[in-house]
Amino acid sequence: MAGTFFIMVACFTWALDTLIRYPLLGAGYSTLQIVLIEHLTLVLVTAPLLWRYRDTFRHLSKASYGCLFFIGGIGSAVGTLAFTQAFAYLNPTVVILLQKLQPIVAILLAYVFLKERIQVNFLQWAAVILGGSFVMMWPDLLKLKAAQWHYSSDSVSILKGYGYTLVAVIAWGAATVCGKYLSHQGVAANAIMSGRFLAGLMVLLPLALIDAESLRPMLTKDLGLAIVMALLSGLIGMWFYYRGLRTVPAQMATLAELSFPVFAGAINWLFLDMGLTSYQIVGGLMLILGNIGLRLKELRHSALASQV
């Protein structure tokens, strides 16, 4: 159970970071600037880990290097930027709805590249978890019928919106599989985490040079909040995430990540005085109990296999 619990703790820290991230975006700072500061902070903080695991990095295979770069450069940097940019073109409900494709991407990639078998019991619990995810956003889906899906009727803008969303979905789904691949290769969780941050920064720095106009001086208070956010959801969150990923299959990890909106709703209720709807409560329970049931089933199956 520890692996699933650790990933849920990571999701809790990611939900907490919305209390800082959205006010910073509302203050006029660009997504690129915020994500850049996050990665710069995290690389500086984890520099001792990069030095400690220098021999590990030196002896990685080409496939492992590719996975490490994908996790940081594509999953962490490009995926986050693409997902945020999609909101400029599409209704947020549409973006979040399409993001539900991420577990399907991760499960299929894990089946192809990691040879993780898709069993009937897994599909049953996955249906419960995905069902809970849709139940949580059901009122928003009903409103979507009469809402404007696209902010522009221009076909190019519409394609950009869907394109950015799908880039994020594929990037995040594949990053989960890449992280599990590195765990299979015996790469330490701290090495994956610190390498991820460095790879992300290597991608973000050229983007910042190209789009320097989007960067502006930050107030000391805002800079401090950005650093706190990086340490909370980046350092602490990713530490728990890779500890959890080490002991659970990628297909289970991606479903556990769906607990993020449960914690986001709870945080909005506790800190922003936003009431929880019956749909959020029922859907959230389905998500949490589904993940627990799935993990218990996996542990029971592993125990029987070891006895045989």
C-alpha atoms as a PDB file:
ATOM      1  CA  MET A   1       0.000   0.000   0.000  1.00  0.00           C
ATOM      2  CA  ALA A   2       2.913   2.367   0.638  1.00  0.00           C
ATOM      3  CA  GLY A   3       3.573   2.993  -3.070  1.00  0.00           C
ATOM      4  CA  THR A   4       0.023   4.129  -3.837  1.00  0.00           C
ATOM      5  CA  PHE A   5      -0.058   6.177  -0.620  1.00  0.00           C
ATOM      6  CA  PHE A   6       3.203   7.952  -1.528  1.00  0.00           C
ATOM      7  CA  ILE A   7       1.858   8.894  -4.973  1.00  0.00           C
ATOM      8  CA  MET A   8      -1.314  10.245  -3.353  1.00  0.00           C
ATOM      9  CA  VAL A   9       0.806  12.325  -0.967  1.00  0.00           C
ATOM     10  CA  ALA A  10       2.591  13.719  -4.035  1.00  0.00           C
ATOM     11  CA  CYS A  11      -0.795  14.589  -5.545  1.00  0.00           C
ATOM     12  CA  PHE A  12      -1.692  16.385  -2.310  1.00  0.00           C
ATOM     13  CA  THR A  13       1.403  18.599  -2.571  1.00  0.00           C
ATOM     14  CA  TRP A  14       0.606  19.311  -6.248  1.00  0.00           C
ATOM     15  CA  ALA A  15      -2.890  20.373  -5.212  1.00  0.00           C
ATOM     16  CA  LEU A  16      -1.461  22.650  -2.511  1.00  0.00           C
ATOM     17  CA  ASP A  17       0.698  24.436  -5.070  1.00  0.00           C
ATOM     18  CA  THR A  18      -2.436  25.813  -6.784  1.00  0.00           C
ATOM     19  CA  LEU A  19      -2.818  28.142  -3.792  1.00  0.00           C
ATOM     20  CA  ILE A  20       0.393  29.834  -4.981  1.00  0.00           C
ATOM     21  CA  ARG A  21       0.577  29.135  -8.735  1.00  0.00           C
ATOM     22  CA  TYR A  22      -2.715  30.746  -9.763  1.00  0.00           C
ATOM     23  CA  PRO A  23      -2.199  33.951  -7.727  1.00  0.00           C
ATOM     24  CA  LEU A  24       1.212  34.290  -9.400  1.00  0.00           C
ATOM     25  CA  LEU A  25      -0.372  33.851 -12.839  1.00  0.00           C
ATOM     26  CA  GLY A  26      -3.052  36.359 -11.819  1.00  0.00           C
ATOM     27  CA  ALA A  27      -0.310  38.833 -10.866  1.00  0.00           C
ATOM     28  CA  GLY A  28       0.790  38.880 -14.510  1.00  0.00           C
ATOM     29  CA  TYR A  29       3.800  36.553 -14.455  1.00  0.00           C
ATOM     30  CA  SER A  30       4.019  34.215 -17.440  1.00  0.00           C
ATOM     31  CA  THR A  31       3.822  30.451 -17.129  1.00  0.00           C
ATOM     32  CA  LEU A  32       7.312  30.184 -18.636  1.00  0.00           C
ATOM     33  CA  GLN A  33       8.756  32.479 -15.978  1.00  0.00           C
ATOM     34  CA  ILE A  34       7.115  30.629 -13.087  1.00  0.00           C
ATOM     35  CA  VAL A  35       8.133  27.178 -14.346  1.00  0.00           C
ATOM     36  CA  LEU A  36      11.668  28.453 -15.052  1.00  0.00           C
ATOM     37  CA  ILE A  37      12.080  29.772 -11.506  1.00  0.00           C
ATOM     38  CA  GLU A  38      10.762  26.479 -10.135  1.00  0.00           C
ATOM     39  CA  HIS A  39      13.320  24.431 -12.046  1.00  0.00           C
ATOM     40  CA  LEU A  40      16.184  26.817 -11.312  1.00  0.00           C
ATOM     41  CA  THR A  41      15.383  26.592  -7.591  1.00  0.00           C
ATOM     42  CA  LEU A  42      15.130  22.818  -7.698  1.00  0.00           C
ATOM     43  CA  VAL A  43      18.411  22.373  -9.580  1.00  0.00           C
ATOM     44  CA  LEU A  44      20.211  24.543  -7.019  1.00  0.00           C
ATOM     45  CA  VAL A  45      18.666  22.644  -4.102  1.00  0.00           C
ATOM     46  CA  THR A  46      19.366  19.200  -5.575  1.00  0.00           C
ATOM     47  CA  ALA A  47      22.881  20.038  -6.808  1.00  0.00           C
ATOM     48  CA  PRO A  48      24.395  17.838  -4.043  1.00  0.00           C
ATOM     49  CA  LEU A  49      22.321  14.912  -5.356  1.00  0.00           C
ATOM     50  CA  LEU A  50      23.521  15.540  -8.908  1.00  0.00           C
ATOM     51  CA  TRP A  51      27.095  15.342  -7.629  1.00  0.00           C
ATOM     52  CA  ARG A  52      26.410  12.311  -5.443  1.00  0.00           C
ATOM     53  CA  TYR A  53      24.932  10.333  -8.342  1.00  0.00           C
ATOM     54  CA  ARG A  54      27.441  11.524 -10.963  1.00  0.00           C
ATOM     55  CA  ASP A  55      28.682   7.952 -11.487  1.00  0.00           C
ATOM     56  CA  THR A  56      25.106   6.766 -11.985  1.00  0.00           C
ATOM     57  CA  PHE A  57      24.515   9.404 -14.660  1.00  0.00           C
ATOM     58  CA  ARG A  58      27.858   8.612 -16.296  1.00  0.00           C
ATOM     59  CA  HIS A  59      26.971   4.947 -16.758  1.00  0.00           C
ATOM     60  CA  LEU A  60      23.379   5.306 -17.954  1.00  0.00           C
ATOM     61  CA  SER A  61      22.501   3.635 -21.235  1.00  0.00           C
ATOM     62  CA  LYS A  62      21.287   5.689 -24.202  1.00  0.00           C
ATOM     63  CA  ALA A  63      17.719   4.525 -23.532  1.00  0.00           C
ATOM     64  CA  SER A  64      17.971   5.607 -19.887  1.00  0.00           C
ATOM     65  CA  TYR A  65      19.379   9.005 -20.881  1.00  0.00           C
ATOM     66  CA  GLY A  66      16.496   9.389 -23.306  1.00  0.00           C
ATOM     67  CA  CYS A  67      13.984   8.546 -20.609  1.00  0.00           C
ATOM     68  CA  LEU A  68      15.576  10.936 -18.119  1.00  0.00           C
ATOM     69  CA  PHE A  69      15.588  13.764 -20.649  1.00  0.00           C
ATOM     70  CA  PHE A  70      11.986  13.017 -21.623  1.00  0.00           C
ATOM     71  CA  ILE A  71      10.810  13.082 -17.997  1.00  0.00           C
ATOM     72  CA  GLY A  72      12.385  16.475 -17.323  1.00  0.00           C
ATOM     73  CA  GLY A  73      12.492  18.209 -20.688  1.00  0.00           C
ATOM     74  CA  ILE A  74       9.201  17.014 -22.147  1.00  0.00           C
ATOM     75  CA  GLY A  75       7.107  15.783 -19.220  1.00  0.00           C
ATOM     76  CA  SER A  76       8.045  18.434 -16.673  1.00  0.00           C
ATOM     77  CA  ALA A  77       8.800  21.477 -18.833  1.00  0.00           C
ATOM     78  CA  VAL A  78       7.008  21.190 -22.190  1.00  0.00           C
ATOM     79  CA  GLY A  79       3.997  19.316 -20.769  1.00  0.00           C
ATOM     80  CA  THR A  80       3.337  21.962 -18.118  1.00  0.00           C
ATOM     81  CA  LEU A  81       3.729  24.824 -20.586  1.00  0.00           C
ATOM     82  CA  ALA A  82       1.474  23.141 -23.168  1.00  0.00           C
ATOM     83  CA  PHE A  83      -1.261  22.347 -20.641  1.00  0.00           C
ATOM     84  CA  THR A  84      -1.323  25.928 -19.356  1.00  0.00           C
ATOM     85  CA  GLN A  85      -1.291  27.358 -22.877  1.00  0.00           C
ATOM     86  CA  ALA A  86      -4.308  25.226 -23.844  1.00  0.00           C
ATOM     87  CA  PHE A  87      -6.494  27.251 -21.480  1.00  0.00           C
ATOM     88  CA  ALA A  88      -5.995  30.285 -23.737  1.00  0.00           C
ATOM     89  CA  TYR A  89      -7.794  28.498 -26.582  1.00  0.00           C
ATOM     90  CA  LEU A  90     -10.250  26.040 -25.007  1.00  0.00           C
ATOM     91  CA  ASN A  91     -12.877  26.037 -22.287  1.00  0.00           C
ATOM     92  CA  PRO A  92     -11.130  24.805 -19.086  1.00  0.00           C
ATOM     93  CA  THR A  93     -13.658  21.971 -18.746  1.00  0.00           C
ATOM     94  CA  VAL A  94     -12.720  20.708 -22.225  1.00  0.00           C
ATOM     95  CA  VAL A  95      -9.014  20.816 -21.337  1.00  0.00           C
ATOM     96  CA  ILE A  96      -9.536  18.937 -18.063  1.00  0.00           C
ATOM     97  CA  LEU A  97     -11.824  16.417 -19.769  1.00  0.00           C
ATOM     98  CA  LEU A  98      -9.208  15.639 -22.413  1.00  0.00           C
ATOM     99  CA  GLN A  99      -6.583  15.347 -19.671  1.00  0.00           C
ATOM    100  CA  LYS A 100      -8.463  12.235 -18.509  1.00  0.00           C
ATOM    101  CA  LEU A 101      -6.891  10.473 -21.506  1.00  0.00           C
ATOM    102  CA  GLN A 102      -3.527  10.524 -19.706  1.00  0.00           C
ATOM    103  CA  PRO A 103      -4.037   7.210 -17.832  1.00  0.00           C
ATOM    104  CA  ILE A 104      -5.039   5.503 -21.075  1.00  0.00           C
ATOM    105  CA  VAL A 105      -1.832   6.749 -22.726  1.00  0.00           C
ATOM    106  CA  ALA A 106       0.295   5.574 -19.788  1.00  0.00           C
ATOM    107  CA  ILE A 107      -1.422   2.167 -19.548  1.00  0.00           C
ATOM    108  CA  LEU A 108      -0.972   1.459 -23.272  1.00  0.00           C
ATOM    109  CA  LEU A 109       2.658   2.607 -23.270  1.00  0.00           C
ATOM    110  CA  ALA A 110       3.376   0.503 -20.169  1.00  0.00           C
ATOM    111  CA  TYR A 111       1.847  -2.491 -21.945  1.00  0.00           C
ATOM    112  CA  VAL A 112       3.968  -1.965 -25.068  1.00  0.00           C
ATOM    113  CA  PHE A 113       7.311  -0.912 -23.579  1.00  0.00           C
ATOM    114  CA  LEU A 114       7.295  -2.311 -20.025  1.00  0.00           C
ATOM    115  CA  LYS A 115       5.291  -5.470 -20.802  1.00  0.00           C
ATOM    116  CA  GLU A 116       2.869  -4.736 -17.950  1.00  0.00           C
ATOM    117  CA  ARG A 117      -0.077  -7.077 -18.473  1.00  0.00           C
ATOM    118  CA  ILE A 118      -3.582  -5.611 -18.509  1.00  0.00           C
ATOM    119  CA  GLN A 119      -5.726  -8.004 -16.469  1.00  0.00           C
ATOM    120  CA  VAL A 120      -9.510  -8.107 -16.156  1.00  0.00           C
ATOM    121  CA  ASN A 121      -9.416  -7.214 -12.449  1.00  0.00           C
ATOM    122  CA  PHE A 122      -7.265  -4.198 -13.255  1.00  0.00           C
ATOM    123  CA  LEU A 123      -9.749  -3.006 -15.881  1.00  0.00           C
ATOM    124  CA  GLN A 124     -12.616  -3.337 -13.397  1.00  0.00           C
ATOM    125  CA  TRP A 125     -10.919  -1.184 -10.784  1.00  0.00           C
ATOM    126  CA  ALA A 126      -9.682   1.223 -13.450  1.00  0.00           C
ATOM    127  CA  ALA A 127     -13.296   1.687 -14.569  1.00  0.00           C
ATOM    128  CA  VAL A 128     -14.286   2.570 -10.983  1.00  0.00           C
ATOM    129  CA  ILE A 129     -11.434   5.093 -10.698  1.00  0.00           C
ATOM    130  CA  LEU A 130     -12.073   6.703 -14.082  1.00  0.00           C
ATOM    131  CA  GLY A 131     -15.811   6.703 -13.336  1.00  0.00           C
ATOM    132  CA  GLY A 132     -15.153   8.574 -10.098  1.00  0.00           C
ATOM    133  CA  SER A 133     -13.101  11.110 -12.014  1.00  0.00           C
ATOM    134  CA  PHE A 134     -15.998  11.786 -14.379  1.00  0.00           C
ATOM    135  CA  VAL A 135     -18.554  11.879 -11.534  1.00  0.00           C
ATOM    136  CA  MET A 136     -16.527  14.635  -9.866  1.00  0.00           C
ATOM    137  CA  MET A 137     -16.783  16.868 -12.919  1.00  0.00           C
ATOM    138  CA  TRP A 138     -20.311  15.826 -13.979  1.00  0.00           C
ATOM    139  CA  PRO A 139     -21.951  19.227 -13.184  1.00  0.00           C
ATOM    140  CA  ASP A 140     -19.290  20.944 -15.319  1.00  0.00           C
ATOM    141  CA  LEU A 141     -19.912  18.473 -18.124  1.00  0.00           C
ATOM    142  CA  LEU A 142     -23.637  19.298 -18.055  1.00  0.00           C
ATOM    143  CA  LYS A 143     -22.868  23.015 -18.279  1.00  0.00           C
ATOM    144  CA  LEU A 144     -20.565  22.325 -21.191  1.00  0.00           C
ATOM    145  CA  LYS A 145     -23.571  21.593 -23.425  1.00  0.00           C
ATOM    146  CA  ALA A 146     -24.558  25.257 -23.472  1.00  0.00           C
ATOM    147  CA  ALA A 147     -21.061  26.686 -22.977  1.00  0.00           C
ATOM    148  CA  GLN A 148     -18.588  27.955 -25.525  1.00  0.00           C
ATOM    149  CA  TRP A 149     -16.031  25.219 -26.143  1.00  0.00           C
ATOM    150  CA  HIS A 150     -13.565  27.365 -28.061  1.00  0.00           C
ATOM    151  CA  TYR A 151     -12.616  30.982 -27.492  1.00  0.00           C
ATOM    152  CA  SER A 152     -12.149  31.531 -31.226  1.00  0.00           C
ATOM    153  CA  SER A 153     -13.941  30.171 -34.275  1.00  0.00           C
ATOM    154  CA  ASP A 154     -10.654  30.251 -36.167  1.00  0.00           C
ATOM    155  CA  SER A 155      -9.774  26.649 -37.063  1.00  0.00           C
ATOM    156  CA  VAL A 156      -6.059  27.255 -36.454  1.00  0.00           C
ATOM    157  CA  SER A 157      -6.725  28.441 -32.897  1.00  0.00           C
ATOM    158  CA  ILE A 158      -9.020  25.476 -32.247  1.00  0.00           C
ATOM    159  CA  LEU A 159      -6.374  23.048 -33.487  1.00  0.00           C
ATOM    160  CA  LYS A 160      -3.780  24.775 -31.315  1.00  0.00           C
ATOM    161  CA  GLY A 161      -5.962  24.324 -28.242  1.00  0.00           C
ATOM    162  CA  TYR A 162      -6.495  20.622 -28.829  1.00  0.00           C
ATOM    163  CA  GLY A 163      -2.879  20.203 -29.902  1.00  0.00           C
ATOM    164  CA  TYR A 164      -1.480  21.789 -26.728  1.00  0.00           C
ATOM    165  CA  THR A 165      -3.782  19.641 -24.602  1.00  0.00           C
ATOM    166  CA  LEU A 166      -2.822  16.397 -26.318  1.00  0.00           C
ATOM    167  CA  VAL A 167       0.889  17.279 -26.122  1.00  0.00           C
ATOM    168  CA  ALA A 168       0.510  17.612 -22.346  1.00  0.00           C
ATOM    169  CA  VAL A 169      -1.511  14.385 -22.079  1.00  0.00           C
ATOM    170  CA  ILE A 170       1.030  12.350 -24.057  1.00  0.00           C
ATOM    171  CA  ALA A 171       4.004  14.000 -22.337  1.00  0.00           C
ATOM    172  CA  TRP A 172       2.724  13.293 -18.820  1.00  0.00           C
ATOM    173  CA  GLY A 173       1.527   9.780 -19.620  1.00  0.00           C
ATOM    174  CA  ALA A 174       4.829   8.849 -21.254  1.00  0.00           C
ATOM    175  CA  ALA A 175       6.814  10.468 -18.416  1.00  0.00           C
ATOM    176  CA  THR A 176       5.200   8.057 -15.934  1.00  0.00           C
ATOM    177  CA  VAL A 177       6.295   5.102 -18.071  1.00  0.00           C
ATOM    178  CA  CYS A 178       9.810   6.530 -18.492  1.00  0.00           C
ATOM    179  CA  GLY A 179      10.125   6.960 -14.731  1.00  0.00           C
ATOM    180  CA  LYS A 180       9.096   3.352 -14.164  1.00  0.00           C
ATOM    181  CA  TYR A 181      11.587   2.203 -16.810  1.00  0.00           C
ATOM    182  CA  LEU A 182      14.398   3.955 -14.939  1.00  0.00           C
ATOM    183  CA  SER A 183      13.263   2.312 -11.702  1.00  0.00           C
ATOM    184  CA  HIS A 184      13.421  -1.065 -13.456  1.00  0.00           C
ATOM    185  CA  GLN A 185      17.011  -0.221 -14.442  1.00  0.00           C
ATOM    186  CA  GLY A 186      17.913   0.286 -10.786  1.00  0.00           C
ATOM    187  CA  VAL A 187      18.293   4.072 -10.958  1.00  0.00           C
ATOM    188  CA  ALA A 188      17.798   5.559  -7.479  1.00  0.00           C
ATOM    189  CA  ALA A 189      14.690   7.679  -6.901  1.00  0.00           C
ATOM    190  CA  ASN A 190      16.789  10.700  -5.887  1.00  0.00           C
ATOM    191  CA  ALA A 191      18.876  10.357  -9.057  1.00  0.00           C
ATOM    192  CA  ILE A 192      15.732  10.342 -11.227  1.00  0.00           C
ATOM    193  CA  MET A 193      14.307  13.321  -9.367  1.00  0.00           C
ATOM    194  CA  SER A 194      17.435  15.500  -9.545  1.00  0.00           C
ATOM    195  CA  GLY A 195      18.087  14.495 -13.165  1.00  0.00           C
ATOM    196  CA  ARG A 196      14.514  15.416 -14.030  1.00  0.00           C
ATOM    197  CA  PHE A 197      14.937  18.942 -12.714  1.00  0.00           C
ATOM    198  CA  LEU A 198      18.214  19.446 -14.574  1.00  0.00           C
ATOM    199  CA  ALA A 199      16.772  18.158 -17.858  1.00  0.00           C
ATOM    200  CA  GLY A 200      13.772  20.444 -17.444  1.00  0.00           C
ATOM    201  CA  LEU A 201      15.998  23.467 -16.848  1.00  0.00           C
ATOM    202  CA  MET A 202      18.082  22.623 -19.940  1.00  0.00           C
ATOM    203  CA  VAL A 203      14.915  22.864 -22.052  1.00  0.00           C
ATOM    204  CA  LEU A 204      13.483  25.923 -20.312  1.00  0.00           C
ATOM    205  CA  LEU A 205      16.582  28.123 -20.565  1.00  0.00           C
ATOM    206  CA  PRO A 206      16.602  28.235 -24.418  1.00  0.00           C
ATOM    207  CA  LEU A 207      12.836  28.843 -24.390  1.00  0.00           C
ATOM    208  CA  ALA A 208      13.359  31.751 -21.984  1.00  0.00           C
ATOM    209  CA  LEU A 209      16.028  33.251 -24.269  1.00  0.00           C
ATOM    210  CA  ILE A 210      13.704  32.963 -27.273  1.00  0.00           C
ATOM    211  CA  ASP A 211      10.748  34.467 -25.407  1.00  0.00           C
ATOM    212  CA  ALA A 212      12.617  36.919 -23.161  1.00  0.00           C
ATOM    213  CA  GLU A 213       9.786  39.453 -23.455  1.00  0.00           C
ATOM    214  CA  SER A 214       7.571  37.204 -21.308  1.00  0.00           C
ATOM    215  CA  LEU A 215       9.969  37.580 -18.354  1.00  0.00           C
ATOM    216  CA  ARG A 216       9.712  40.513 -15.976  1.00  0.00           C
ATOM    217  CA  PRO A 217      11.142  41.433 -12.578  1.00  0.00           C
ATOM    218  CA  MET A 218       9.379  39.717  -9.684  1.00  0.00           C
ATOM    219  CA  LEU A 219       8.508  41.279  -6.376  1.00  0.00           C
ATOM    220  CA  THR A 220      10.499  39.808  -3.482  1.00  0.00           C
ATOM    221  CA  LYS A 221       7.316  38.421  -1.940  1.00  0.00           C
ATOM    222  CA  ASP A 222       6.274  36.737  -5.195  1.00  0.00           C
ATOM    223  CA  LEU A 223       9.745  35.301  -5.733  1.00  0.00           C
ATOM    224  CA  GLY A 224       9.643  33.844  -2.223  1.00  0.00           C
ATOM    225  CA  LEU A 225       6.256  32.270  -2.930  1.00  0.00           C
ATOM    226  CA  ALA A 226       7.579  30.747  -6.173  1.00  0.00           C
ATOM    227  CA  ILE A 227      10.514  29.225  -4.276  1.00  0.00           C
ATOM    228  CA  VAL A 228       8.210  27.825  -1.580  1.00  0.00           C
ATOM    229  CA  MET A 229       6.001  26.332  -4.301  1.00  0.00           C
ATOM    230  CA  ALA A 230       9.026  24.711  -5.962  1.00  0.00           C
ATOM    231  CA  LEU A 231      10.141  23.138  -2.691  1.00  0.00           C
ATOM    232  CA  LEU A 232       6.628  21.973  -1.822  1.00  0.00           C
ATOM    233  CA  SER A 233       5.288  20.451  -5.030  1.00  0.00           C
ATOM    234  CA  GLY A 234       8.624  19.985  -6.765  1.00  0.00           C
ATOM    235  CA  LEU A 235      11.079  18.709  -4.170  1.00  0.00           C
ATOM    236  CA  ILE A 236       8.773  17.143  -1.581  1.00  0.00           C
ATOM    237  CA  GLY A 237       6.096  16.092  -4.060  1.00  0.00           C
ATOM    238  CA  MET A 238       8.508  14.445  -6.480  1.00  0.00           C
ATOM    239  CA  TRP A 239      10.399  12.746  -3.646  1.00  0.00           C
ATOM    240  CA  PHE A 240       7.187  10.997  -2.603  1.00  0.00           C
ATOM    241  CA  TYR A 241       6.194  10.335  -6.219  1.00  0.00           C
ATOM    242  CA  TYR A 242       9.376   8.498  -7.212  1.00  0.00           C
ATOM    243  CA  ARG A 243       9.421   6.599  -3.929  1.00  0.00           C
ATOM    244  CA  GLY A 244       5.927   5.387  -4.771  1.00  0.00           C
ATOM    245  CA  LEU A 245       6.680   4.677  -8.425  1.00  0.00           C
ATOM    246  CA  ARG A 246       9.496   2.385  -7.346  1.00  0.00           C
ATOM    247  CA  THR A 247       7.044  -0.148  -5.871  1.00  0.00           C
ATOM    248  CA  VAL A 248       3.915   0.065  -8.082  1.00  0.00           C
ATOM    249  CA  PRO A 249       3.426  -0.631 -11.805  1.00  0.00           C
ATOM    250  CA  ALA A 250       3.169   2.375 -14.117  1.00  0.00           C
ATOM    251  CA  GLN A 251      -0.460   1.507 -14.936  1.00  0.00           C
ATOM    252  CA  MET A 252      -1.369   1.762 -11.233  1.00  0.00           C
ATOM    253  CA  ALA A 253       0.696   4.905 -10.706  1.00  0.00           C
ATOM    254  CA  THR A 254      -1.132   6.809 -13.445  1.00  0.00           C
ATOM    255  CA  LEU A 255      -4.504   5.918 -11.882  1.00  0.00           C
ATOM    256  CA  ALA A 256      -3.287   7.004  -8.441  1.00  0.00           C
ATOM    257  CA  GLU A 257      -2.391  10.365 -10.001  1.00  0.00           C
ATOM    258  CA  LEU A 258      -6.108  10.904 -10.664  1.00  0.00           C
ATOM    259  CA  SER A 259      -6.482  11.571  -6.921  1.00  0.00           C
ATOM    260  CA  PHE A 260      -5.160  15.076  -7.618  1.00  0.00           C
ATOM    261  CA  PRO A 261      -8.634  16.658  -8.177  1.00  0.00           C
ATOM    262  CA  VAL A 262      -9.853  15.040  -4.943  1.00  0.00           C
ATOM    263  CA  PHE A 263      -7.206  16.870  -2.942  1.00  0.00           C
ATOM    264  CA  ALA A 264      -7.665  20.042  -5.003  1.00  0.00           C
ATOM    265  CA  GLY A 265     -11.366  20.054  -4.121  1.00  0.00           C
ATOM    266  CA  ALA A 266     -10.618  19.442  -0.438  1.00  0.00           C
ATOM    267  CA  ILE A 267      -8.060  22.267  -0.380  1.00  0.00           C
ATOM    268  CA  ASN A 268     -10.495  24.667  -2.059  1.00  0.00           C
ATOM    269  CA  TRP A 269     -13.035  23.720   0.595  1.00  0.00           C
ATOM    270  CA  LEU A 270     -10.616  24.185   3.507  1.00  0.00           C
ATOM    271  CA  PHE A 271      -8.700  27.282   2.400  1.00  0.00           C
ATOM    272  CA  LEU A 272     -10.941  29.073  -0.122  1.00  0.00           C
ATOM    273  CA  ASP A 273     -14.314  28.349   1.501  1.00  0.00           C
ATOM    274  CA  MET A 274     -15.602  26.665  -1.664  1.00  0.00           C
ATOM    275  CA  GLY A 275     -18.240  24.092  -0.787  1.00  0.00           C
ATOM    276  CA  LEU A 276     -18.003  20.481  -1.923  1.00  0.00           C
ATOM    277  CA  THR A 277     -20.831  19.169  -4.091  1.00  0.00           C
ATOM    278  CA  SER A 278     -22.321  15.694  -3.666  1.00  0.00           C
ATOM    279  CA  TYR A 279     -20.768  14.792  -7.032  1.00  0.00           C
ATOM    280  CA  GLN A 280     -17.303  15.726  -5.778  1.00  0.00           C
ATOM    281  CA  ILE A 281     -17.757  13.728  -2.571  1.00  0.00           C
ATOM    282  CA  VAL A 282     -19.092  10.598  -4.304  1.00  0.00           C
ATOM    283  CA  GLY A 283     -16.567  10.806  -7.155  1.00  0.00           C
ATOM    284  CA  GLY A 284     -13.720  11.416  -4.729  1.00  0.00           C
ATOM    285  CA  LEU A 285     -14.655   8.375  -2.658  1.00  0.00           C
ATOM    286  CA  MET A 286     -14.794   6.266  -5.827  1.00  0.00           C
ATOM    287  CA  LEU A 287     -11.310   7.469  -6.766  1.00  0.00           C
ATOM    288  CA  ILE A 288      -9.722   6.834  -3.380  1.00  0.00           C
ATOM    289  CA  LEU A 289     -11.439   3.511  -2.679  1.00  0.00           C
ATOM    290  CA  GLY A 290     -10.797   2.337  -6.249  1.00  0.00           C
ATOM    291  CA  ASN A 291      -7.063   2.954  -5.877  1.00  0.00           C
ATOM    292  CA  ILE A 292      -6.995   1.209  -2.514  1.00  0.00           C
ATOM    293  CA  GLY A 293      -8.923  -1.766  -3.909  1.00  0.00           C
ATOM    294  CA  LEU A 294      -6.646  -1.972  -6.930  1.00  0.00           C
ATOM    295  CA  ARG A 295      -3.519  -1.941  -4.778  1.00  0.00           C
ATOM    296  CA  LEU A 296      -4.893  -4.576  -2.377  1.00  0.00           C
ATOM    297  CA  LYS A 297      -5.740  -6.782  -5.345  1.00  0.00           C
ATOM    298  CA  GLU A 298      -2.203  -6.381  -6.701  1.00  0.00           C
ATOM    299  CA  LEU A 299      -0.653  -7.229  -3.331  1.00  0.00           C
ATOM    300  CA  ARG A 300      -2.881 -10.296  -2.974  1.00  0.00           C
ATOM    301  CA  HIS A 301      -1.944 -11.455  -6.475  1.00  0.00           C
ATOM    302  CA  SER A 302       1.782 -10.960  -5.741  1.00  0.00           C
ATOM    303  CA  ALA A 303       1.496 -12.921  -2.491  1.00  0.00           C
ATOM    304  CA  LEU A 304      -0.206 -15.856  -4.234  1.00  0.00           C
ATOM    305  CA  ALA A 305       2.400 -15.793  -7.015  1.00  0.00           C
ATOM    306  CA  SER A 306       5.246 -15.919  -4.498  1.00  0.00           C
ATOM    307  CA  GLN A 307       3.652 -18.884  -2.705  1.00  0.00           C
ATOM    308  CA  VAL A 308       3.356 -20.780  -5.975  1.00  0.00           C
END
